[in-house]
Amino acid sequence: MRRIDFRSDTVTKPSDAMRKVMADALVGDDVFGEDPTVNALEKEVAQYFGKEAALFCPSGTQTNQIAIAVHCRPGDEVICAEDAHIYMYEGGGIARNAGASVRLLKGNRGRITANEVESAIMDADNVHFPLTRLVALEDTMNRGGGAIYDFQEVINISTVCKKYNLPLHLDGARVFNALIENGVQPVDYAAPFESISICLSKGLGAPVGSLLLGNKDFIRQARRVRKVFGGGMRQAGIIAAGALYAFRENRERLKVDHENARRIEECLTQLSEVVEVMPVQTNIVVAKMQTTDSAQRFLAYLMNENILAMPFGAGAIRLVTHLDISEQDMIYTLEKITSFE
């Protein structure tokens, strides 16, 4: 029996149709700007979000880190949530790559507010303090169980940033999941942000690839930083073709992932050893068990049934739905969760 893998939406395999477009992709040298498939991907996604330009990179970590390095100088400070991916899961890159420090805000499931942001901005006239240079949001919020920002709060935060002449960056690794649920038009959603990082290798199912979006001058600077970070690729059209296919074909079907996550949420809430399940908004399910031992026992039980999930901090587990989870997989998984004792 095959494994049913809920560890992440990054585990998906390219479909036969995606493999075909990748095999047939027109390619060139992307460092010279001559890969037609990369150029087509960058142009199409930038236009979708109403931005002037885009930059294709291997990973969302790289697009985030490039953005921070362009916006900040050594000694500057970045405001973000304490659970933000850019702080928690990018290997200390803010300090290593940009030489910047962070001002961490607690927020609500990782979603920070305009009032919190304004309170955290340092006095630029006080030489004892670092200079606040960037505010970064994450939507959806991974460690918040796939929580979505209220778009009005995003606008409020943008207003604060403009008041203090600060750029606003979006870690939009799962922004397509947010857009499916919040109903905001992509151009309107993107407008408050000076830079946006998006992943095509998560819910959309591309094997590789993320994009950094912004105005032409920002992307020109970002392209130089990408080169410094070793991210310049040559005949990258092969992977860009998979990313372009994912962008064109797999956005609307994210609704299925969200519904499957809600089905898992409902099932988990019936278990006596589950204390709490974060309210599901998108494709991430985070459940808090009674103890760390019970979480480990539950994960071991699932693994024995060929179902993979992840530990997610003390006594917590995470399951992420994606396009490789079939209806048959869901029926089997729900049956096994219900049978846990």
C-alpha atoms as a PDB file:
ATOM      1  CA  MET A   1       0.000   0.000   0.000  1.00  0.00           C
ATOM      2  CA  ARG A   2       1.333   3.442  -0.914  1.00  0.00           C
ATOM      3  CA  ARG A   3       2.061   6.073   1.705  1.00  0.00           C
ATOM      4  CA  ILE A   4      -0.403   8.909   2.146  1.00  0.00           C
ATOM      5  CA  ASP A   5       1.781  11.911   2.854  1.00  0.00           C
ATOM      6  CA  PHE A   6       0.327  14.837   4.829  1.00  0.00           C
ATOM      7  CA  ARG A   7       3.697  16.172   6.027  1.00  0.00           C
ATOM      8  CA  SER A   8       3.612  19.127   3.625  1.00  0.00           C
ATOM      9  CA  ASP A   9       2.192  20.349   0.324  1.00  0.00           C
ATOM     10  CA  THR A  10       5.784  20.353  -0.951  1.00  0.00           C
ATOM     11  CA  VAL A  11       5.783  16.547  -1.374  1.00  0.00           C
ATOM     12  CA  THR A  12       3.655  16.516  -4.539  1.00  0.00           C
ATOM     13  CA  LYS A  13       4.895  14.835  -7.725  1.00  0.00           C
ATOM     14  CA  PRO A  14       4.453  16.388 -11.184  1.00  0.00           C
ATOM     15  CA  SER A  15       1.574  14.968 -13.192  1.00  0.00           C
ATOM     16  CA  ASP A  16       2.074  13.407 -16.621  1.00  0.00           C
ATOM     17  CA  ALA A  17       0.745  16.605 -18.218  1.00  0.00           C
ATOM     18  CA  MET A  18       3.195  18.730 -16.228  1.00  0.00           C
ATOM     19  CA  ARG A  19       6.079  16.430 -17.136  1.00  0.00           C
ATOM     20  CA  LYS A  20       5.149  16.753 -20.805  1.00  0.00           C
ATOM     21  CA  VAL A  21       5.286  20.565 -20.820  1.00  0.00           C
ATOM     22  CA  MET A  22       8.577  20.438 -18.919  1.00  0.00           C
ATOM     23  CA  ALA A  23      10.076  18.020 -21.436  1.00  0.00           C
ATOM     24  CA  ASP A  24       8.947  20.205 -24.338  1.00  0.00           C
ATOM     25  CA  ALA A  25       9.953  23.559 -22.792  1.00  0.00           C
ATOM     26  CA  LEU A  26      11.831  26.123 -24.819  1.00  0.00           C
ATOM     27  CA  VAL A  27      15.003  27.061 -22.954  1.00  0.00           C
ATOM     28  CA  GLY A  28      17.869  29.549 -23.005  1.00  0.00           C
ATOM     29  CA  ASP A  29      20.382  31.026 -20.578  1.00  0.00           C
ATOM     30  CA  ASP A  30      18.382  32.754 -17.848  1.00  0.00           C
ATOM     31  CA  VAL A  31      21.388  34.615 -16.405  1.00  0.00           C
ATOM     32  CA  PHE A  32      21.585  36.331 -19.799  1.00  0.00           C
ATOM     33  CA  GLY A  33      17.812  36.852 -19.667  1.00  0.00           C
ATOM     34  CA  GLU A  34      17.391  34.561 -22.678  1.00  0.00           C
ATOM     35  CA  ASP A  35      15.206  31.735 -21.355  1.00  0.00           C
ATOM     36  CA  PRO A  36      11.815  32.252 -23.043  1.00  0.00           C
ATOM     37  CA  THR A  37       9.905  30.035 -20.608  1.00  0.00           C
ATOM     38  CA  VAL A  38      11.315  31.781 -17.540  1.00  0.00           C
ATOM     39  CA  ASN A  39      10.547  35.145 -19.135  1.00  0.00           C
ATOM     40  CA  ALA A  40       6.975  34.048 -19.880  1.00  0.00           C
ATOM     41  CA  LEU A  41       6.465  32.840 -16.298  1.00  0.00           C
ATOM     42  CA  GLU A  42       7.829  36.050 -14.784  1.00  0.00           C
ATOM     43  CA  LYS A  43       5.729  38.245 -17.044  1.00  0.00           C
ATOM     44  CA  GLU A  44       2.475  36.317 -16.594  1.00  0.00           C
ATOM     45  CA  VAL A  45       2.627  36.114 -12.794  1.00  0.00           C
ATOM     46  CA  ALA A  46       3.750  39.745 -12.425  1.00  0.00           C
ATOM     47  CA  GLN A  47       0.769  40.868 -14.524  1.00  0.00           C
ATOM     48  CA  TYR A  48      -1.592  38.635 -12.521  1.00  0.00           C
ATOM     49  CA  PHE A  49      -0.624  40.523  -9.369  1.00  0.00           C
ATOM     50  CA  GLY A  50      -0.368  43.917 -11.045  1.00  0.00           C
ATOM     51  CA  LYS A  51       3.368  44.248 -10.475  1.00  0.00           C
ATOM     52  CA  GLU A  52       5.907  45.520 -12.985  1.00  0.00           C
ATOM     53  CA  ALA A  53       8.340  42.627 -12.859  1.00  0.00           C
ATOM     54  CA  ALA A  54       9.213  39.271 -11.308  1.00  0.00           C
ATOM     55  CA  LEU A  55      12.283  37.149 -10.629  1.00  0.00           C
ATOM     56  CA  PHE A  56      12.300  33.345 -10.810  1.00  0.00           C
ATOM     57  CA  CYS A  57      14.235  31.597  -8.014  1.00  0.00           C
ATOM     58  CA  PRO A  58      14.663  28.026  -6.780  1.00  0.00           C
ATOM     59  CA  SER A  59      12.910  28.516  -3.425  1.00  0.00           C
ATOM     60  CA  GLY A  60      10.687  30.737  -1.316  1.00  0.00           C
ATOM     61  CA  THR A  61      13.467  31.067   1.221  1.00  0.00           C
ATOM     62  CA  GLN A  62      15.647  32.590  -1.466  1.00  0.00           C
ATOM     63  CA  THR A  63      12.974  35.019  -2.662  1.00  0.00           C
ATOM     64  CA  ASN A  64      12.326  36.143   0.918  1.00  0.00           C
ATOM     65  CA  GLN A  65      16.011  36.521   1.677  1.00  0.00           C
ATOM     66  CA  ILE A  66      16.681  38.430  -1.524  1.00  0.00           C
ATOM     67  CA  ALA A  67      13.853  40.826  -0.711  1.00  0.00           C
ATOM     68  CA  ILE A  68      15.161  41.454   2.795  1.00  0.00           C
ATOM     69  CA  ALA A  69      18.696  41.992   1.478  1.00  0.00           C
ATOM     70  CA  VAL A  70      17.439  44.570  -1.038  1.00  0.00           C
ATOM     71  CA  HIS A  71      15.291  46.431   1.484  1.00  0.00           C
ATOM     72  CA  CYS A  72      17.758  46.415   4.409  1.00  0.00           C
ATOM     73  CA  ARG A  73      21.347  47.254   5.208  1.00  0.00           C
ATOM     74  CA  PRO A  74      23.503  45.782   8.001  1.00  0.00           C
ATOM     75  CA  GLY A  75      22.293  47.021  11.373  1.00  0.00           C
ATOM     76  CA  ASP A  76      18.720  47.649  10.192  1.00  0.00           C
ATOM     77  CA  GLU A  77      15.702  45.968  11.764  1.00  0.00           C
ATOM     78  CA  VAL A  78      12.824  43.921  10.335  1.00  0.00           C
ATOM     79  CA  ILE A  79       9.416  43.801  12.031  1.00  0.00           C
ATOM     80  CA  CYS A  80       7.659  40.441  11.732  1.00  0.00           C
ATOM     81  CA  ALA A  81       5.663  37.916  13.744  1.00  0.00           C
ATOM     82  CA  GLU A  82       7.554  35.759  16.219  1.00  0.00           C
ATOM     83  CA  ASP A  83       6.421  32.652  14.306  1.00  0.00           C
ATOM     84  CA  ALA A  84       7.215  34.059  10.862  1.00  0.00           C
ATOM     85  CA  HIS A  85       8.863  31.706   8.391  1.00  0.00           C
ATOM     86  CA  ILE A  86      11.521  34.324   7.583  1.00  0.00           C
ATOM     87  CA  TYR A  87      12.586  34.204  11.238  1.00  0.00           C
ATOM     88  CA  MET A  88      11.874  30.604  12.268  1.00  0.00           C
ATOM     89  CA  TYR A  89      12.694  28.514   9.221  1.00  0.00           C
ATOM     90  CA  GLU A  90      15.219  30.284   7.027  1.00  0.00           C
ATOM     91  CA  GLY A  91      18.392  29.343   8.867  1.00  0.00           C
ATOM     92  CA  GLY A  92      19.016  32.720  10.459  1.00  0.00           C
ATOM     93  CA  GLY A  93      19.191  34.238   6.998  1.00  0.00           C
ATOM     94  CA  ILE A  94      18.075  37.709   8.063  1.00  0.00           C
ATOM     95  CA  ALA A  95      21.197  38.033  10.195  1.00  0.00           C
ATOM     96  CA  ARG A  96      23.531  36.116   7.909  1.00  0.00           C
ATOM     97  CA  ASN A  97      22.466  37.521   4.532  1.00  0.00           C
ATOM     98  CA  ALA A  98      21.299  41.052   5.290  1.00  0.00           C
ATOM     99  CA  GLY A  99      23.075  41.695   8.595  1.00  0.00           C
ATOM    100  CA  ALA A 100      19.742  42.844  10.004  1.00  0.00           C
ATOM    101  CA  SER A 101      18.059  42.219  13.343  1.00  0.00           C
ATOM    102  CA  VAL A 102      14.390  41.476  13.997  1.00  0.00           C
ATOM    103  CA  ARG A 103      11.651  42.971  16.145  1.00  0.00           C
ATOM    104  CA  LEU A 104       9.257  40.103  16.896  1.00  0.00           C
ATOM    105  CA  LEU A 105       5.537  40.615  17.470  1.00  0.00           C
ATOM    106  CA  LYS A 106       3.231  37.979  18.961  1.00  0.00           C
ATOM    107  CA  GLY A 107       0.118  38.663  16.923  1.00  0.00           C
ATOM    108  CA  ASN A 108      -2.885  36.348  16.696  1.00  0.00           C
ATOM    109  CA  ARG A 109      -1.901  33.009  15.168  1.00  0.00           C
ATOM    110  CA  GLY A 110       1.013  34.919  13.678  1.00  0.00           C
ATOM    111  CA  ARG A 111      -1.108  37.703  12.191  1.00  0.00           C
ATOM    112  CA  ILE A 112       0.136  41.052  13.410  1.00  0.00           C
ATOM    113  CA  THR A 113      -1.849  44.309  13.510  1.00  0.00           C
ATOM    114  CA  ALA A 114      -1.262  47.878  12.421  1.00  0.00           C
ATOM    115  CA  ASN A 115      -1.240  49.036  16.048  1.00  0.00           C
ATOM    116  CA  GLU A 116       1.400  46.450  16.959  1.00  0.00           C
ATOM    117  CA  VAL A 117       3.518  47.466  13.992  1.00  0.00           C
ATOM    118  CA  GLU A 118       3.355  51.174  14.775  1.00  0.00           C
ATOM    119  CA  SER A 119       4.263  50.530  18.418  1.00  0.00           C
ATOM    120  CA  ALA A 120       7.325  48.530  17.342  1.00  0.00           C
ATOM    121  CA  ILE A 121       8.837  51.106  14.982  1.00  0.00           C
ATOM    122  CA  MET A 122      12.040  52.473  16.475  1.00  0.00           C
ATOM    123  CA  ASP A 123      12.779  56.171  16.947  1.00  0.00           C
ATOM    124  CA  ALA A 124      15.002  57.003  13.983  1.00  0.00           C
ATOM    125  CA  ASP A 125      16.501  59.979  15.836  1.00  0.00           C
ATOM    126  CA  ASN A 126      17.783  57.875  18.734  1.00  0.00           C
ATOM    127  CA  VAL A 127      21.251  56.577  17.869  1.00  0.00           C
ATOM    128  CA  HIS A 128      20.951  53.772  20.425  1.00  0.00           C
ATOM    129  CA  PHE A 129      18.314  52.006  18.345  1.00  0.00           C
ATOM    130  CA  PRO A 130      18.530  50.093  15.077  1.00  0.00           C
ATOM    131  CA  LEU A 131      16.680  51.671  12.174  1.00  0.00           C
ATOM    132  CA  THR A 132      13.380  50.020  11.343  1.00  0.00           C
ATOM    133  CA  ARG A 133      13.597  49.358   7.604  1.00  0.00           C
ATOM    134  CA  LEU A 134      11.034  46.696   6.720  1.00  0.00           C
ATOM    135  CA  VAL A 135       7.732  45.184   7.827  1.00  0.00           C
ATOM    136  CA  ALA A 136       7.046  41.605   6.709  1.00  0.00           C
ATOM    137  CA  LEU A 137       3.757  39.686   6.781  1.00  0.00           C
ATOM    138  CA  GLU A 138       3.069  36.003   6.056  1.00  0.00           C
ATOM    139  CA  ASP A 139      -0.214  34.973   4.441  1.00  0.00           C
ATOM    140  CA  THR A 140      -1.306  32.272   4.919  1.00  0.00           C
ATOM    141  CA  MET A 141       0.454  31.822   8.254  1.00  0.00           C
ATOM    142  CA  ASN A 142       2.102  28.414   8.476  1.00  0.00           C
ATOM    143  CA  ARG A 143       2.554  28.221  12.236  1.00  0.00           C
ATOM    144  CA  GLY A 144      -0.880  29.767  12.657  1.00  0.00           C
ATOM    145  CA  GLY A 145      -2.431  26.691  11.083  1.00  0.00           C
ATOM    146  CA  GLY A 146      -2.912  28.278   7.674  1.00  0.00           C
ATOM    147  CA  ALA A 147      -4.590  31.390   9.101  1.00  0.00           C
ATOM    148  CA  ILE A 148      -5.529  34.188   6.673  1.00  0.00           C
ATOM    149  CA  TYR A 149      -5.141  37.922   7.198  1.00  0.00           C
ATOM    150  CA  ASP A 150      -8.212  40.140   7.163  1.00  0.00           C
ATOM    151  CA  PHE A 151      -7.416  42.221   4.087  1.00  0.00           C
ATOM    152  CA  GLN A 152      -8.534  45.418   5.807  1.00  0.00           C
ATOM    153  CA  GLU A 153      -5.805  44.854   8.397  1.00  0.00           C
ATOM    154  CA  VAL A 154      -3.269  44.474   5.592  1.00  0.00           C
ATOM    155  CA  ILE A 155      -4.405  47.864   4.284  1.00  0.00           C
ATOM    156  CA  ASN A 156      -4.124  49.332   7.779  1.00  0.00           C
ATOM    157  CA  ILE A 157      -0.577  48.001   8.142  1.00  0.00           C
ATOM    158  CA  SER A 158       0.299  49.415   4.716  1.00  0.00           C
ATOM    159  CA  THR A 159      -1.000  52.817   5.835  1.00  0.00           C
ATOM    160  CA  VAL A 160       1.308  52.719   8.868  1.00  0.00           C
ATOM    161  CA  CYS A 161       4.245  51.717   6.657  1.00  0.00           C
ATOM    162  CA  LYS A 162       3.623  54.615   4.294  1.00  0.00           C
ATOM    163  CA  LYS A 163       3.408  57.008   7.244  1.00  0.00           C
ATOM    164  CA  TYR A 164       6.929  55.981   8.274  1.00  0.00           C
ATOM    165  CA  ASN A 165       8.241  55.443   4.729  1.00  0.00           C
ATOM    166  CA  LEU A 166       8.743  51.700   5.269  1.00  0.00           C
ATOM    167  CA  PRO A 167       8.368  49.028   2.586  1.00  0.00           C
ATOM    168  CA  LEU A 168       5.929  46.188   3.257  1.00  0.00           C
ATOM    169  CA  HIS A 169       6.968  42.671   2.195  1.00  0.00           C
ATOM    170  CA  LEU A 170       4.726  39.631   1.848  1.00  0.00           C
ATOM    171  CA  ASP A 171       5.915  36.098   2.409  1.00  0.00           C
ATOM    172  CA  GLY A 172       3.152  34.670   0.258  1.00  0.00           C
ATOM    173  CA  ALA A 173       4.355  31.074   0.143  1.00  0.00           C
ATOM    174  CA  ARG A 174       0.692  30.019   0.231  1.00  0.00           C
ATOM    175  CA  VAL A 175      -0.880  33.250  -1.000  1.00  0.00           C
ATOM    176  CA  PHE A 176      -2.976  31.380  -3.569  1.00  0.00           C
ATOM    177  CA  ASN A 177      -4.657  29.536  -0.700  1.00  0.00           C
ATOM    178  CA  ALA A 178      -5.446  32.901   0.880  1.00  0.00           C
ATOM    179  CA  LEU A 179      -6.837  34.328  -2.354  1.00  0.00           C
ATOM    180  CA  ILE A 180      -9.163  31.357  -2.848  1.00  0.00           C
ATOM    181  CA  GLU A 181     -10.734  32.056   0.549  1.00  0.00           C
ATOM    182  CA  ASN A 182     -10.670  35.843   0.950  1.00  0.00           C
ATOM    183  CA  GLY A 183     -12.204  36.680  -2.422  1.00  0.00           C
ATOM    184  CA  VAL A 184      -9.896  39.663  -2.965  1.00  0.00           C
ATOM    185  CA  GLN A 185      -8.735  40.260  -6.527  1.00  0.00           C
ATOM    186  CA  PRO A 186      -4.996  39.503  -6.912  1.00  0.00           C
ATOM    187  CA  VAL A 187      -4.140  43.007  -8.157  1.00  0.00           C
ATOM    188  CA  ASP A 188      -5.972  44.603  -5.239  1.00  0.00           C
ATOM    189  CA  TYR A 189      -4.401  42.196  -2.768  1.00  0.00           C
ATOM    190  CA  ALA A 190      -0.878  42.861  -4.047  1.00  0.00           C
ATOM    191  CA  ALA A 191      -1.190  46.646  -4.159  1.00  0.00           C
ATOM    192  CA  PRO A 192      -0.212  47.356  -0.494  1.00  0.00           C
ATOM    193  CA  PHE A 193       3.064  45.413  -0.820  1.00  0.00           C
ATOM    194  CA  GLU A 194       6.339  46.714  -2.237  1.00  0.00           C
ATOM    195  CA  SER A 195       7.577  43.143  -2.644  1.00  0.00           C
ATOM    196  CA  ILE A 196       5.904  39.735  -2.711  1.00  0.00           C
ATOM    197  CA  SER A 197       7.405  36.251  -2.493  1.00  0.00           C
ATOM    198  CA  ILE A 198       5.233  33.433  -3.827  1.00  0.00           C
ATOM    199  CA  CYS A 199       5.801  29.678  -4.053  1.00  0.00           C
ATOM    200  CA  LEU A 200       4.614  27.566  -6.941  1.00  0.00           C
ATOM    201  CA  SER A 201       5.965  24.363  -5.388  1.00  0.00           C
ATOM    202  CA  LYS A 202       3.455  24.162  -2.524  1.00  0.00           C
ATOM    203  CA  GLY A 203      -0.300  23.992  -3.121  1.00  0.00           C
ATOM    204  CA  LEU A 204       0.031  24.491  -6.874  1.00  0.00           C
ATOM    205  CA  GLY A 205       2.235  21.411  -7.180  1.00  0.00           C
ATOM    206  CA  ALA A 206       5.260  22.566  -9.204  1.00  0.00           C
ATOM    207  CA  PRO A 207       8.380  20.500  -8.474  1.00  0.00           C
ATOM    208  CA  VAL A 208      10.583  23.602  -8.056  1.00  0.00           C
ATOM    209  CA  GLY A 209      10.226  27.337  -8.077  1.00  0.00           C
ATOM    210  CA  SER A 210       9.259  30.612  -6.443  1.00  0.00           C
ATOM    211  CA  LEU A 211       8.915  34.172  -7.694  1.00  0.00           C
ATOM    212  CA  LEU A 212       9.760  37.558  -6.222  1.00  0.00           C
ATOM    213  CA  LEU A 213       7.531  40.388  -7.434  1.00  0.00           C
ATOM    214  CA  GLY A 214       7.977  44.166  -7.321  1.00  0.00           C
ATOM    215  CA  ASN A 215       8.632  47.202  -9.459  1.00  0.00           C
ATOM    216  CA  LYS A 216      11.291  47.162 -12.163  1.00  0.00           C
ATOM    217  CA  ASP A 217      13.978  48.875 -10.093  1.00  0.00           C
ATOM    218  CA  PHE A 218      13.431  46.529  -7.139  1.00  0.00           C
ATOM    219  CA  ILE A 219      13.660  43.442  -9.368  1.00  0.00           C
ATOM    220  CA  ARG A 220      16.782  44.832 -11.041  1.00  0.00           C
ATOM    221  CA  GLN A 221      18.434  45.019  -7.628  1.00  0.00           C
ATOM    222  CA  ALA A 222      17.017  41.626  -6.677  1.00  0.00           C
ATOM    223  CA  ARG A 223      18.528  40.008  -9.773  1.00  0.00           C
ATOM    224  CA  ARG A 224      21.970  41.171  -8.673  1.00  0.00           C
ATOM    225  CA  VAL A 225      21.418  39.784  -5.146  1.00  0.00           C
ATOM    226  CA  ARG A 226      20.210  36.481  -6.601  1.00  0.00           C
ATOM    227  CA  LYS A 227      23.507  36.214  -8.465  1.00  0.00           C
ATOM    228  CA  VAL A 228      25.455  36.920  -5.267  1.00  0.00           C
ATOM    229  CA  PHE A 229      23.421  34.236  -3.454  1.00  0.00           C
ATOM    230  CA  GLY A 230      24.296  31.715  -6.173  1.00  0.00           C
ATOM    231  CA  GLY A 231      20.744  31.605  -7.464  1.00  0.00           C
ATOM    232  CA  GLY A 232      21.428  32.440 -11.096  1.00  0.00           C
ATOM    233  CA  MET A 233      20.233  29.518 -13.235  1.00  0.00           C
ATOM    234  CA  ARG A 234      20.979  28.682 -16.832  1.00  0.00           C
ATOM    235  CA  GLN A 235      18.467  26.618 -18.870  1.00  0.00           C
ATOM    236  CA  ALA A 236      15.868  27.018 -16.130  1.00  0.00           C
ATOM    237  CA  GLY A 237      12.951  26.875 -18.550  1.00  0.00           C
ATOM    238  CA  ILE A 238      12.606  23.156 -17.840  1.00  0.00           C
ATOM    239  CA  ILE A 239      11.535  23.840 -14.265  1.00  0.00           C
ATOM    240  CA  ALA A 240       9.861  27.143 -15.114  1.00  0.00           C
ATOM    241  CA  ALA A 241       7.564  25.229 -17.459  1.00  0.00           C
ATOM    242  CA  GLY A 242       6.352  23.089 -14.557  1.00  0.00           C
ATOM    243  CA  ALA A 243       5.827  26.208 -12.464  1.00  0.00           C
ATOM    244  CA  LEU A 244       3.912  27.933 -15.290  1.00  0.00           C
ATOM    245  CA  TYR A 245       1.699  24.873 -15.762  1.00  0.00           C
ATOM    246  CA  ALA A 246       1.011  24.783 -12.012  1.00  0.00           C
ATOM    247  CA  PHE A 247       0.120  28.477 -11.993  1.00  0.00           C
ATOM    248  CA  ARG A 248      -2.261  28.156 -14.932  1.00  0.00           C
ATOM    249  CA  GLU A 249      -3.935  24.855 -14.072  1.00  0.00           C
ATOM    250  CA  ASN A 250      -3.965  24.307 -10.312  1.00  0.00           C
ATOM    251  CA  ARG A 251      -5.187  27.465  -8.588  1.00  0.00           C
ATOM    252  CA  GLU A 252      -8.929  26.794  -8.504  1.00  0.00           C
ATOM    253  CA  ARG A 253      -8.567  23.230  -7.266  1.00  0.00           C
ATOM    254  CA  LEU A 254      -7.102  24.505  -3.978  1.00  0.00           C
ATOM    255  CA  LYS A 255     -10.725  24.583  -2.798  1.00  0.00           C
ATOM    256  CA  VAL A 256     -10.580  20.776  -2.662  1.00  0.00           C
ATOM    257  CA  ASP A 257      -7.559  20.891  -0.362  1.00  0.00           C
ATOM    258  CA  HIS A 258      -9.339  23.307   1.968  1.00  0.00           C
ATOM    259  CA  GLU A 259     -12.429  21.116   2.155  1.00  0.00           C
ATOM    260  CA  ASN A 260     -10.280  18.053   2.857  1.00  0.00           C
ATOM    261  CA  ALA A 261      -8.516  19.939   5.663  1.00  0.00           C
ATOM    262  CA  ARG A 262     -11.867  20.808   7.215  1.00  0.00           C
ATOM    263  CA  ARG A 263     -12.867  17.138   7.065  1.00  0.00           C
ATOM    264  CA  ILE A 264      -9.700  16.203   8.956  1.00  0.00           C
ATOM    265  CA  GLU A 265     -10.341  18.984  11.470  1.00  0.00           C
ATOM    266  CA  GLU A 266     -13.834  17.668  12.171  1.00  0.00           C
ATOM    267  CA  CYS A 267     -12.526  14.132  12.612  1.00  0.00           C
ATOM    268  CA  LEU A 268      -9.698  15.145  14.945  1.00  0.00           C
ATOM    269  CA  THR A 269     -12.004  17.120  17.223  1.00  0.00           C
ATOM    270  CA  GLN A 270     -13.802  13.854  18.054  1.00  0.00           C
ATOM    271  CA  LEU A 271     -10.677  12.270  19.554  1.00  0.00           C
ATOM    272  CA  SER A 272     -10.436  12.331  23.351  1.00  0.00           C
ATOM    273  CA  GLU A 273      -6.661  12.930  23.265  1.00  0.00           C
ATOM    274  CA  VAL A 274      -6.995  16.038  21.093  1.00  0.00           C
ATOM    275  CA  VAL A 275      -7.230  19.156  23.251  1.00  0.00           C
ATOM    276  CA  GLU A 276      -7.680  21.698  20.454  1.00  0.00           C
ATOM    277  CA  VAL A 277      -7.598  22.009  16.683  1.00  0.00           C
ATOM    278  CA  MET A 278      -6.747  25.438  15.279  1.00  0.00           C
ATOM    279  CA  PRO A 279      -9.766  26.591  13.245  1.00  0.00           C
ATOM    280  CA  VAL A 280      -9.052  25.516   9.680  1.00  0.00           C
ATOM    281  CA  GLN A 281      -9.163  28.219   7.017  1.00  0.00           C
ATOM    282  CA  THR A 282      -7.030  26.723   4.263  1.00  0.00           C
ATOM    283  CA  ASN A 283      -5.037  23.501   3.805  1.00  0.00           C
ATOM    284  CA  ILE A 284      -3.150  23.231   7.121  1.00  0.00           C
ATOM    285  CA  VAL A 285      -4.478  21.357  10.150  1.00  0.00           C
ATOM    286  CA  VAL A 286      -2.708  21.835  13.493  1.00  0.00           C
ATOM    287  CA  ALA A 287      -3.927  19.825  16.474  1.00  0.00           C
ATOM    288  CA  LYS A 288      -2.791  20.079  20.082  1.00  0.00           C
ATOM    289  CA  MET A 289      -2.732  16.735  21.893  1.00  0.00           C
ATOM    290  CA  GLN A 290      -2.979  16.199  25.636  1.00  0.00           C
ATOM    291  CA  THR A 291       0.746  15.463  25.979  1.00  0.00           C
ATOM    292  CA  THR A 292       3.868  15.195  23.842  1.00  0.00           C
ATOM    293  CA  ASP A 293       3.736  11.429  24.395  1.00  0.00           C
ATOM    294  CA  SER A 294       0.200  11.218  23.033  1.00  0.00           C
ATOM    295  CA  ALA A 295       1.221  13.241  19.978  1.00  0.00           C
ATOM    296  CA  GLN A 296       4.142  10.914  19.345  1.00  0.00           C
ATOM    297  CA  ARG A 297       1.924   7.877  19.835  1.00  0.00           C
ATOM    298  CA  PHE A 298      -0.649   9.218  17.390  1.00  0.00           C
ATOM    299  CA  LEU A 299       2.006   9.978  14.758  1.00  0.00           C
ATOM    300  CA  ALA A 300       3.469   6.485  15.199  1.00  0.00           C
ATOM    301  CA  TYR A 301      -0.013   4.989  14.839  1.00  0.00           C
ATOM    302  CA  LEU A 302      -0.604   6.904  11.608  1.00  0.00           C
ATOM    303  CA  MET A 303       2.790   5.885  10.238  1.00  0.00           C
ATOM    304  CA  ASN A 304       1.997   2.247  10.961  1.00  0.00           C
ATOM    305  CA  GLU A 305      -1.121   2.766   8.834  1.00  0.00           C
ATOM    306  CA  ASN A 306       0.998   4.306   6.020  1.00  0.00           C
ATOM    307  CA  ILE A 307      -0.143   7.842   6.807  1.00  0.00           C
ATOM    308  CA  LEU A 308       2.551  10.487   7.337  1.00  0.00           C
ATOM    309  CA  ALA A 309       2.075  13.639   9.438  1.00  0.00           C
ATOM    310  CA  MET A 310       4.484  15.966  11.254  1.00  0.00           C
ATOM    311  CA  PRO A 311       5.230  16.897  14.847  1.00  0.00           C
ATOM    312  CA  PHE A 312       4.684  20.631  15.225  1.00  0.00           C
ATOM    313  CA  GLY A 313       6.083  21.700  18.562  1.00  0.00           C
ATOM    314  CA  ALA A 314       5.405  20.361  22.033  1.00  0.00           C
ATOM    315  CA  GLY A 315       2.349  18.114  21.933  1.00  0.00           C
ATOM    316  CA  ALA A 316       1.202  19.361  18.514  1.00  0.00           C
ATOM    317  CA  ILE A 317       0.885  17.721  15.118  1.00  0.00           C
ATOM    318  CA  ARG A 318       0.388  19.104  11.598  1.00  0.00           C
ATOM    319  CA  LEU A 319      -1.309  17.677   8.522  1.00  0.00           C
ATOM    320  CA  VAL A 320      -1.285  19.505   5.181  1.00  0.00           C
ATOM    321  CA  THR A 321      -3.611  18.597   2.316  1.00  0.00           C
ATOM    322  CA  HIS A 322      -2.551  18.858  -1.324  1.00  0.00           C
ATOM    323  CA  LEU A 323      -3.288  17.743  -4.870  1.00  0.00           C
ATOM    324  CA  ASP A 324      -1.767  14.271  -4.453  1.00  0.00           C
ATOM    325  CA  ILE A 325      -4.340  13.365  -1.784  1.00  0.00           C
ATOM    326  CA  SER A 326      -7.165  11.509  -3.513  1.00  0.00           C
ATOM    327  CA  GLU A 327     -10.705  11.001  -2.289  1.00  0.00           C
ATOM    328  CA  GLN A 328      -9.812   7.369  -1.599  1.00  0.00           C
ATOM    329  CA  ASP A 329      -6.860   8.585   0.495  1.00  0.00           C
ATOM    330  CA  MET A 330      -9.187  10.858   2.450  1.00  0.00           C
ATOM    331  CA  ILE A 331     -11.730   8.133   3.174  1.00  0.00           C
ATOM    332  CA  TYR A 332      -8.976   5.817   4.399  1.00  0.00           C
ATOM    333  CA  THR A 333      -7.313   8.545   6.494  1.00  0.00           C
ATOM    334  CA  LEU A 334     -10.526   9.632   8.193  1.00  0.00           C
ATOM    335  CA  GLU A 335     -11.360   6.028   8.993  1.00  0.00           C
ATOM    336  CA  LYS A 336      -7.949   5.474  10.590  1.00  0.00           C
ATOM    337  CA  ILE A 337      -8.090   8.732  12.595  1.00  0.00           C
ATOM    338  CA  THR A 338     -11.497   7.751  13.917  1.00  0.00           C
ATOM    339  CA  SER A 339     -10.128   4.340  14.949  1.00  0.00           C
ATOM    340  CA  PHE A 340      -7.282   5.772  17.054  1.00  0.00           C
ATOM    341  CA  GLU A 341      -7.452   4.753  20.709  1.00  0.00           C
END
